Amino acid sequence: MVSQAGVEEIPVNGVFIILGSAPATNIVRKAGILVDERGCIRVDRTQSTNIEGVFAAGDCTCGGMQVATAVGEGAMAALQA
């Protein structure tokens, strides 16, 4: 469906945004997800953000900034979802 502003809306069950090694989180800020002073997405121990049903893992949370940590966080987020 295309809105009057020319923005196309597509119904989805999930969205994965790959950000790279720096927390490029402007898109999630616009959605209302809280970030810290470094721009890292704020999550709790279950990788939940401040918005119910939205999880974050990996470099965008600035947890460990390592592949092994990101994999563990991603697994936790997937289990919670």
PDB file of N, CA and C in Angstrom:
ATOM      1  N   MET A   1       0.836  -1.156   0.000  1.00  0.00           N
ATOM      2  CA  MET A   1       0.000   0.000   0.000  1.00  0.00           C
ATOM      3  C   MET A   1       0.901   1.246   0.000  1.00  0.00           C
ATOM      4  N   VAL A   2       0.602   2.224  -0.852  1.00  0.00           N
ATOM      5  CA  VAL A   2       1.383   3.463  -0.923  1.00  0.00           C
ATOM      6  C   VAL A   2       0.566   4.580  -0.276  1.00  0.00           C
ATOM      7  N   SER A   3       1.172   5.275   0.681  1.00  0.00           N
ATOM      8  CA  SER A   3       0.486   6.360   1.372  1.00  0.00           C
ATOM      9  C   SER A   3       0.507   7.620   0.513  1.00  0.00           C
ATOM     10  N   GLN A   4      -0.196   8.640   0.975  1.00  0.00           N
ATOM     11  CA  GLN A   4      -0.241   9.908   0.251  1.00  0.00           C
ATOM     12  C   GLN A   4       1.122  10.566   0.170  1.00  0.00           C
ATOM     13  N   ALA A   5       1.997  10.284   1.130  1.00  0.00           N
ATOM     14  CA  ALA A   5       3.334  10.874   1.129  1.00  0.00           C
ATOM     15  C   ALA A   5       4.275  10.135   0.190  1.00  0.00           C
ATOM     16  N   GLY A   6       3.773   9.097  -0.498  1.00  0.00           N
ATOM     17  CA  GLY A   6       4.610   8.346  -1.414  1.00  0.00           C
ATOM     18  C   GLY A   6       5.441   7.269  -0.737  1.00  0.00           C
ATOM     19  N   VAL A   7       5.119   6.954   0.524  1.00  0.00           N
ATOM     20  CA  VAL A   7       5.830   5.929   1.265  1.00  0.00           C
ATOM     21  C   VAL A   7       5.080   4.623   1.110  1.00  0.00           C
ATOM     22  N   GLU A   8       5.791   3.592   0.725  1.00  0.00           N
ATOM     23  CA  GLU A   8       5.158   2.292   0.547  1.00  0.00           C
ATOM     24  C   GLU A   8       5.199   1.513   1.859  1.00  0.00           C
ATOM     25  N   GLU A   9       4.056   0.973   2.275  1.00  0.00           N
ATOM     26  CA  GLU A   9       3.970   0.163   3.472  1.00  0.00           C
ATOM     27  C   GLU A   9       3.825  -1.296   3.067  1.00  0.00           C
ATOM     28  N   ILE A  10       4.671  -2.145   3.646  1.00  0.00           N
ATOM     29  CA  ILE A  10       4.658  -3.562   3.332  1.00  0.00           C
ATOM     30  C   ILE A  10       4.444  -4.331   4.636  1.00  0.00           C
ATOM     31  N   PRO A  11       3.381  -5.140   4.742  1.00  0.00           N
ATOM     32  CA  PRO A  11       3.189  -5.927   5.968  1.00  0.00           C
ATOM     33  C   PRO A  11       4.241  -7.022   6.065  1.00  0.00           C
ATOM     34  N   VAL A  12       4.886  -7.119   7.237  1.00  0.00           N
ATOM     35  CA  VAL A  12       5.932  -8.125   7.457  1.00  0.00           C
ATOM     36  C   VAL A  12       5.780  -8.732   8.839  1.00  0.00           C
ATOM     37  N   ASN A  13       6.388  -9.886   9.032  1.00  0.00           N
ATOM     38  CA  ASN A  13       6.406 -10.526  10.344  1.00  0.00           C
ATOM     39  C   ASN A  13       7.643 -10.153  11.132  1.00  0.00           C
ATOM     40  N   GLY A  14       8.682  -9.659  10.465  1.00  0.00           N
ATOM     41  CA  GLY A  14       9.914  -9.282  11.141  1.00  0.00           C
ATOM     42  C   GLY A  14      10.802  -8.468  10.230  1.00  0.00           C
ATOM     43  N   VAL A  15      11.692  -7.693  10.841  1.00  0.00           N
ATOM     44  CA  VAL A  15      12.633  -6.868  10.091  1.00  0.00           C
ATOM     45  C   VAL A  15      14.012  -7.032  10.714  1.00  0.00           C
ATOM     46  N   PHE A  16      15.009  -7.289   9.877  1.00  0.00           N
ATOM     47  CA  PHE A  16      16.386  -7.380  10.334  1.00  0.00           C
ATOM     48  C   PHE A  16      17.152  -6.246   9.665  1.00  0.00           C
ATOM     49  N   ILE A  17      17.780  -5.408  10.461  1.00  0.00           N
ATOM     50  CA  ILE A  17      18.556  -4.291   9.939  1.00  0.00           C
ATOM     51  C   ILE A  17      20.010  -4.543  10.286  1.00  0.00           C
ATOM     52  N   ILE A  18      20.848  -4.642   9.270  1.00  0.00           N
ATOM     53  CA  ILE A  18      22.274  -4.873   9.477  1.00  0.00           C
ATOM     54  C   ILE A  18      22.962  -3.523   9.461  1.00  0.00           C
ATOM     55  N   LEU A  19      23.649  -3.191  10.556  1.00  0.00           N
ATOM     56  CA  LEU A  19      24.205  -1.855  10.718  1.00  0.00           C
ATOM     57  C   LEU A  19      25.712  -1.773  10.565  1.00  0.00           C
ATOM     58  N   GLY A  20      26.415  -2.883  10.594  1.00  0.00           N
ATOM     59  CA  GLY A  20      27.868  -2.827  10.531  1.00  0.00           C
ATOM     60  C   GLY A  20      28.477  -2.700  11.912  1.00  0.00           C
ATOM     61  N   SER A  21      29.705  -2.211  11.988  1.00  0.00           N
ATOM     62  CA  SER A  21      30.406  -2.183  13.275  1.00  0.00           C
ATOM     63  C   SER A  21      30.147  -0.926  14.091  1.00  0.00           C
ATOM     64  N   ALA A  22      29.570   0.091  13.499  1.00  0.00           N
ATOM     65  CA  ALA A  22      29.235   1.312  14.244  1.00  0.00           C
ATOM     66  C   ALA A  22      27.723   1.380  14.399  1.00  0.00           C
ATOM     67  N   PRO A  23      27.240   1.847  15.534  1.00  0.00           N
ATOM     68  CA  PRO A  23      25.800   1.872  15.755  1.00  0.00           C
ATOM     69  C   PRO A  23      25.107   2.975  14.963  1.00  0.00           C
ATOM     70  N   ALA A  24      24.772   2.711  13.709  1.00  0.00           N
ATOM     71  CA  ALA A  24      24.053   3.666  12.868  1.00  0.00           C
ATOM     72  C   ALA A  24      22.568   3.511  13.170  1.00  0.00           C
ATOM     73  N   THR A  25      22.117   4.118  14.237  1.00  0.00           N
ATOM     74  CA  THR A  25      20.789   3.831  14.774  1.00  0.00           C
ATOM     75  C   THR A  25      19.753   4.932  14.537  1.00  0.00           C
ATOM     76  N   ASN A  26      19.981   5.810  13.596  1.00  0.00           N
ATOM     77  CA  ASN A  26      19.002   6.874  13.346  1.00  0.00           C
ATOM     78  C   ASN A  26      17.633   6.319  12.988  1.00  0.00           C
ATOM     79  N   ILE A  27      17.600   5.234  12.221  1.00  0.00           N
ATOM     80  CA  ILE A  27      16.313   4.664  11.807  1.00  0.00           C
ATOM     81  C   ILE A  27      15.511   4.170  13.005  1.00  0.00           C
ATOM     82  N   VAL A  28      16.168   3.588  13.994  1.00  0.00           N
ATOM     83  CA  VAL A  28      15.433   3.089  15.156  1.00  0.00           C
ATOM     84  C   VAL A  28      15.046   4.215  16.106  1.00  0.00           C
ATOM     85  N   ARG A  29      15.825   5.259  16.152  1.00  0.00           N
ATOM     86  CA  ARG A  29      15.456   6.425  16.971  1.00  0.00           C
ATOM     87  C   ARG A  29      14.133   6.998  16.478  1.00  0.00           C
ATOM     88  N   LYS A  30      13.986   7.080  15.170  1.00  0.00           N
ATOM     89  CA  LYS A  30      12.753   7.621  14.589  1.00  0.00           C
ATOM     90  C   LYS A  30      11.553   6.753  14.930  1.00  0.00           C
ATOM     91  N   ALA A  31      11.802   5.459  15.178  1.00  0.00           N
ATOM     92  CA  ALA A  31      10.730   4.538  15.555  1.00  0.00           C
ATOM     93  C   ALA A  31      10.418   4.602  17.048  1.00  0.00           C
ATOM     94  N   GLY A  32      11.212   5.366  17.810  1.00  0.00           N
ATOM     95  CA  GLY A  32      10.971   5.524  19.235  1.00  0.00           C
ATOM     96  C   GLY A  32      11.758   4.588  20.124  1.00  0.00           C
ATOM     97  N   ILE A  33      12.700   3.845  19.553  1.00  0.00           N
ATOM     98  CA  ILE A  33      13.536   2.948  20.344  1.00  0.00           C
ATOM     99  C   ILE A  33      14.607   3.770  21.048  1.00  0.00           C
ATOM    100  N   LEU A  34      14.783   3.529  22.331  1.00  0.00           N
ATOM    101  CA  LEU A  34      15.746   4.304  23.124  1.00  0.00           C
ATOM    102  C   LEU A  34      17.182   3.878  22.819  1.00  0.00           C
ATOM    103  N   VAL A  35      18.053   4.880  22.739  1.00  0.00           N
ATOM    104  CA  VAL A  35      19.488   4.643  22.569  1.00  0.00           C
ATOM    105  C   VAL A  35      20.228   5.411  23.656  1.00  0.00           C
ATOM    106  N   ASP A  36      21.472   4.995  23.922  1.00  0.00           N
ATOM    107  CA  ASP A  36      22.252   5.693  24.939  1.00  0.00           C
ATOM    108  C   ASP A  36      23.028   6.848  24.309  1.00  0.00           C
ATOM    109  N   GLU A  37      23.887   7.486  25.113  1.00  0.00           N
ATOM    110  CA  GLU A  37      24.637   8.662  24.637  1.00  0.00           C
ATOM    111  C   GLU A  37      25.597   8.347  23.498  1.00  0.00           C
ATOM    112  N   ARG A  38      25.971   7.083  23.323  1.00  0.00           N
ATOM    113  CA  ARG A  38      26.857   6.686  22.224  1.00  0.00           C
ATOM    114  C   ARG A  38      26.086   6.317  20.963  1.00  0.00           C
ATOM    115  N   GLY A  39      24.754   6.267  21.065  1.00  0.00           N
ATOM    116  CA  GLY A  39      23.926   5.869  19.942  1.00  0.00           C
ATOM    117  C   GLY A  39      23.622   4.375  19.926  1.00  0.00           C
ATOM    118  N   CYS A  40      23.984   3.671  20.984  1.00  0.00           N
ATOM    119  CA  CYS A  40      23.744   2.228  21.084  1.00  0.00           C
ATOM    120  C   CYS A  40      22.318   1.976  21.552  1.00  0.00           C
ATOM    121  N   ILE A  41      21.658   0.983  20.948  1.00  0.00           N
ATOM    122  CA  ILE A  41      20.291   0.647  21.340  1.00  0.00           C
ATOM    123  C   ILE A  41      20.295   0.087  22.755  1.00  0.00           C
ATOM    124  N   ARG A  42      19.394   0.592  23.580  1.00  0.00           N
ATOM    125  CA  ARG A  42      19.278   0.123  24.958  1.00  0.00           C
ATOM    126  C   ARG A  42      18.444  -1.152  24.998  1.00  0.00           C
ATOM    127  N   VAL A  43      19.008  -2.183  25.602  1.00  0.00           N
ATOM    128  CA  VAL A  43      18.304  -3.451  25.757  1.00  0.00           C
ATOM    129  C   VAL A  43      18.474  -3.952  27.187  1.00  0.00           C
ATOM    130  N   ASP A  44      17.563  -4.851  27.588  1.00  0.00           N
ATOM    131  CA  ASP A  44      17.721  -5.488  28.894  1.00  0.00           C
ATOM    132  C   ASP A  44      18.432  -6.831  28.711  1.00  0.00           C
ATOM    133  N   ARG A  45      18.434  -7.661  29.739  1.00  0.00           N
ATOM    134  CA  ARG A  45      19.148  -8.943  29.684  1.00  0.00           C
ATOM    135  C   ARG A  45      18.572  -9.907  28.657  1.00  0.00           C
ATOM    136  N   THR A  46      17.340  -9.678  28.233  1.00  0.00           N
ATOM    137  CA  THR A  46      16.715 -10.551  27.233  1.00  0.00           C
ATOM    138  C   THR A  46      16.779  -9.960  25.826  1.00  0.00           C
ATOM    139  N   GLN A  47      17.552  -8.894  25.671  1.00  0.00           N
ATOM    140  CA  GLN A  47      17.729  -8.182  24.407  1.00  0.00           C
ATOM    141  C   GLN A  47      16.474  -7.415  23.977  1.00  0.00           C
ATOM    142  N   SER A  48      15.543  -7.197  24.921  1.00  0.00           N
ATOM    143  CA  SER A  48      14.326  -6.430  24.642  1.00  0.00           C
ATOM    144  C   SER A  48      14.637  -4.939  24.673  1.00  0.00           C
ATOM    145  N   THR A  49      14.035  -4.199  23.755  1.00  0.00           N
ATOM    146  CA  THR A  49      14.134  -2.742  23.763  1.00  0.00           C
ATOM    147  C   THR A  49      12.979  -2.187  24.586  1.00  0.00           C
ATOM    148  N   ASN A  50      12.818  -0.879  24.581  1.00  0.00           N
ATOM    149  CA  ASN A  50      11.721  -0.248  25.305  1.00  0.00           C
ATOM    150  C   ASN A  50      10.372  -0.446  24.617  1.00  0.00           C
ATOM    151  N   ILE A  51      10.367  -0.976  23.414  1.00  0.00           N
ATOM    152  CA  ILE A  51       9.121  -1.220  22.689  1.00  0.00           C
ATOM    153  C   ILE A  51       8.825  -2.716  22.713  1.00  0.00           C
ATOM    154  N   GLU A  52       7.655  -3.074  23.206  1.00  0.00           N
ATOM    155  CA  GLU A  52       7.278  -4.479  23.333  1.00  0.00           C
ATOM    156  C   GLU A  52       7.362  -5.198  21.984  1.00  0.00           C
ATOM    157  N   GLY A  53       8.019  -6.355  21.979  1.00  0.00           N
ATOM    158  CA  GLY A  53       8.140  -7.152  20.764  1.00  0.00           C
ATOM    159  C   GLY A  53       9.288  -6.765  19.861  1.00  0.00           C
ATOM    160  N   VAL A  54      10.077  -5.759  20.274  1.00  0.00           N
ATOM    161  CA  VAL A  54      11.227  -5.320  19.482  1.00  0.00           C
ATOM    162  C   VAL A  54      12.499  -5.665  20.246  1.00  0.00           C
ATOM    163  N   PHE A  55      13.390  -6.396  19.594  1.00  0.00           N
ATOM    164  CA  PHE A  55      14.624  -6.864  20.201  1.00  0.00           C
ATOM    165  C   PHE A  55      15.805  -6.367  19.381  1.00  0.00           C
ATOM    166  N   ALA A  56      16.965  -6.251  20.013  1.00  0.00           N
ATOM    167  CA  ALA A  56      18.178  -5.835  19.311  1.00  0.00           C
ATOM    168  C   ALA A  56      19.344  -6.666  19.820  1.00  0.00           C
ATOM    169  N   ALA A  57      20.311  -6.897  18.945  1.00  0.00           N
ATOM    170  CA  ALA A  57      21.478  -7.694  19.314  1.00  0.00           C
ATOM    171  C   ALA A  57      22.660  -7.286  18.452  1.00  0.00           C
ATOM    172  N   GLY A  58      23.850  -7.570  18.951  1.00  0.00           N
ATOM    173  CA  GLY A  58      25.059  -7.321  18.166  1.00  0.00           C
ATOM    174  C   GLY A  58      25.604  -5.926  18.338  1.00  0.00           C
ATOM    175  N   ASP A  59      26.299  -5.470  17.313  1.00  0.00           N
ATOM    176  CA  ASP A  59      27.018  -4.195  17.391  1.00  0.00           C
ATOM    177  C   ASP A  59      26.121  -3.005  17.704  1.00  0.00           C
ATOM    178  N   CYS A  60      24.858  -3.026  17.266  1.00  0.00           N
ATOM    179  CA  CYS A  60      23.982  -1.875  17.499  1.00  0.00           C
ATOM    180  C   CYS A  60      23.670  -1.681  18.982  1.00  0.00           C
ATOM    181  N   THR A  61      23.921  -2.709  19.814  1.00  0.00           N
ATOM    182  CA  THR A  61      23.719  -2.568  21.258  1.00  0.00           C
ATOM    183  C   THR A  61      25.029  -2.268  21.978  1.00  0.00           C
ATOM    184  N   CYS A  62      26.132  -2.328  21.258  1.00  0.00           N
ATOM    185  CA  CYS A  62      27.466  -2.073  21.790  1.00  0.00           C
ATOM    186  C   CYS A  62      27.805  -2.985  22.965  1.00  0.00           C
ATOM    187  N   GLY A  63      27.239  -4.191  22.954  1.00  0.00           N
ATOM    188  CA  GLY A  63      27.476  -5.151  24.033  1.00  0.00           C
ATOM    189  C   GLY A  63      28.932  -5.557  24.116  1.00  0.00           C
ATOM    190  N   GLY A  64      29.384  -6.402  23.218  1.00  0.00           N
ATOM    191  CA  GLY A  64      30.763  -6.843  23.249  1.00  0.00           C
ATOM    192  C   GLY A  64      31.510  -6.512  21.977  1.00  0.00           C
ATOM    193  N   MET A  65      30.772  -6.142  20.938  1.00  0.00           N
ATOM    194  CA  MET A  65      31.344  -5.784  19.632  1.00  0.00           C
ATOM    195  C   MET A  65      32.220  -6.907  19.080  1.00  0.00           C
ATOM    196  N   GLN A  66      31.828  -8.147  19.361  1.00  0.00           N
ATOM    197  CA  GLN A  66      32.527  -9.317  18.837  1.00  0.00           C
ATOM    198  C   GLN A  66      31.490 -10.275  18.257  1.00  0.00           C
ATOM    199  N   VAL A  67      31.901 -11.052  17.256  1.00  0.00           N
ATOM    200  CA  VAL A  67      30.982 -11.971  16.595  1.00  0.00           C
ATOM    201  C   VAL A  67      30.365 -12.944  17.590  1.00  0.00           C
ATOM    202  N   ALA A  68      31.175 -13.518  18.469  1.00  0.00           N
ATOM    203  CA  ALA A  68      30.654 -14.494  19.431  1.00  0.00           C
ATOM    204  C   ALA A  68      29.589 -13.879  20.330  1.00  0.00           C
ATOM    205  N   THR A  69      29.797 -12.660  20.763  1.00  0.00           N
ATOM    206  CA  THR A  69      28.823 -11.976  21.603  1.00  0.00           C
ATOM    207  C   THR A  69      27.550 -11.700  20.820  1.00  0.00           C
ATOM    208  N   ALA A  70      27.701 -11.234  19.591  1.00  0.00           N
ATOM    209  CA  ALA A  70      26.540 -10.937  18.756  1.00  0.00           C
ATOM    210  C   ALA A  70      25.708 -12.186  18.492  1.00  0.00           C
ATOM    211  N   VAL A  71      26.360 -13.314  18.275  1.00  0.00           N
ATOM    212  CA  VAL A  71      25.648 -14.569  18.042  1.00  0.00           C
ATOM    213  C   VAL A  71      24.845 -14.951  19.288  1.00  0.00           C
ATOM    214  N   GLY A  72      25.454 -14.837  20.454  1.00  0.00           N
ATOM    215  CA  GLY A  72      24.749 -15.144  21.695  1.00  0.00           C
ATOM    216  C   GLY A  72      23.571 -14.216  21.925  1.00  0.00           C
ATOM    217  N   GLU A  73      23.776 -12.924  21.687  1.00  0.00           N
ATOM    218  CA  GLU A  73      22.691 -11.955  21.841  1.00  0.00           C
ATOM    219  C   GLU A  73      21.575 -12.232  20.845  1.00  0.00           C
ATOM    220  N   GLY A  74      21.953 -12.575  19.620  1.00  0.00           N
ATOM    221  CA  GLY A  74      20.964 -12.884  18.599  1.00  0.00           C
ATOM    222  C   GLY A  74      20.147 -14.110  18.962  1.00  0.00           C
ATOM    223  N   ALA A  75      20.794 -15.113  19.532  1.00  0.00           N
ATOM    224  CA  ALA A  75      20.091 -16.315  19.979  1.00  0.00           C
ATOM    225  C   ALA A  75      19.115 -15.972  21.100  1.00  0.00           C
ATOM    226  N   MET A  76      19.525 -15.129  22.039  1.00  0.00           N
ATOM    227  CA  MET A  76      18.653 -14.717  23.133  1.00  0.00           C
ATOM    228  C   MET A  76      17.452 -13.950  22.583  1.00  0.00           C
ATOM    229  N   ALA A  77      17.694 -13.019  21.671  1.00  0.00           N
ATOM    230  CA  ALA A  77      16.606 -12.251  21.076  1.00  0.00           C
ATOM    231  C   ALA A  77      15.629 -13.167  20.340  1.00  0.00           C
ATOM    232  N   ALA A  78      16.156 -14.133  19.603  1.00  0.00           N
ATOM    233  CA  ALA A  78      15.299 -15.061  18.858  1.00  0.00           C
ATOM    234  C   ALA A  78      14.455 -15.902  19.809  1.00  0.00           C
ATOM    235  N   LEU A  79      15.029 -16.352  20.905  1.00  0.00           N
ATOM    236  CA  LEU A  79      14.268 -17.134  21.874  1.00  0.00           C
ATOM    237  C   LEU A  79      13.156 -16.290  22.508  1.00  0.00           C
ATOM    238  N   GLN A  80      13.442 -15.048  22.788  1.00  0.00           N
ATOM    239  CA  GLN A  80      12.436 -14.168  23.389  1.00  0.00           C
ATOM    240  C   GLN A  80      11.321 -13.829  22.407  1.00  0.00           C
ATOM    241  N   ALA A  81      11.681 -13.661  21.144  1.00  0.00           N
ATOM    242  CA  ALA A  81      10.687 -13.330  20.121  1.00  0.00           C
ATOM    243  C   ALA A  81       9.750 -14.498  19.920  1.00  0.00           C
TER     244      ALA A  81
END
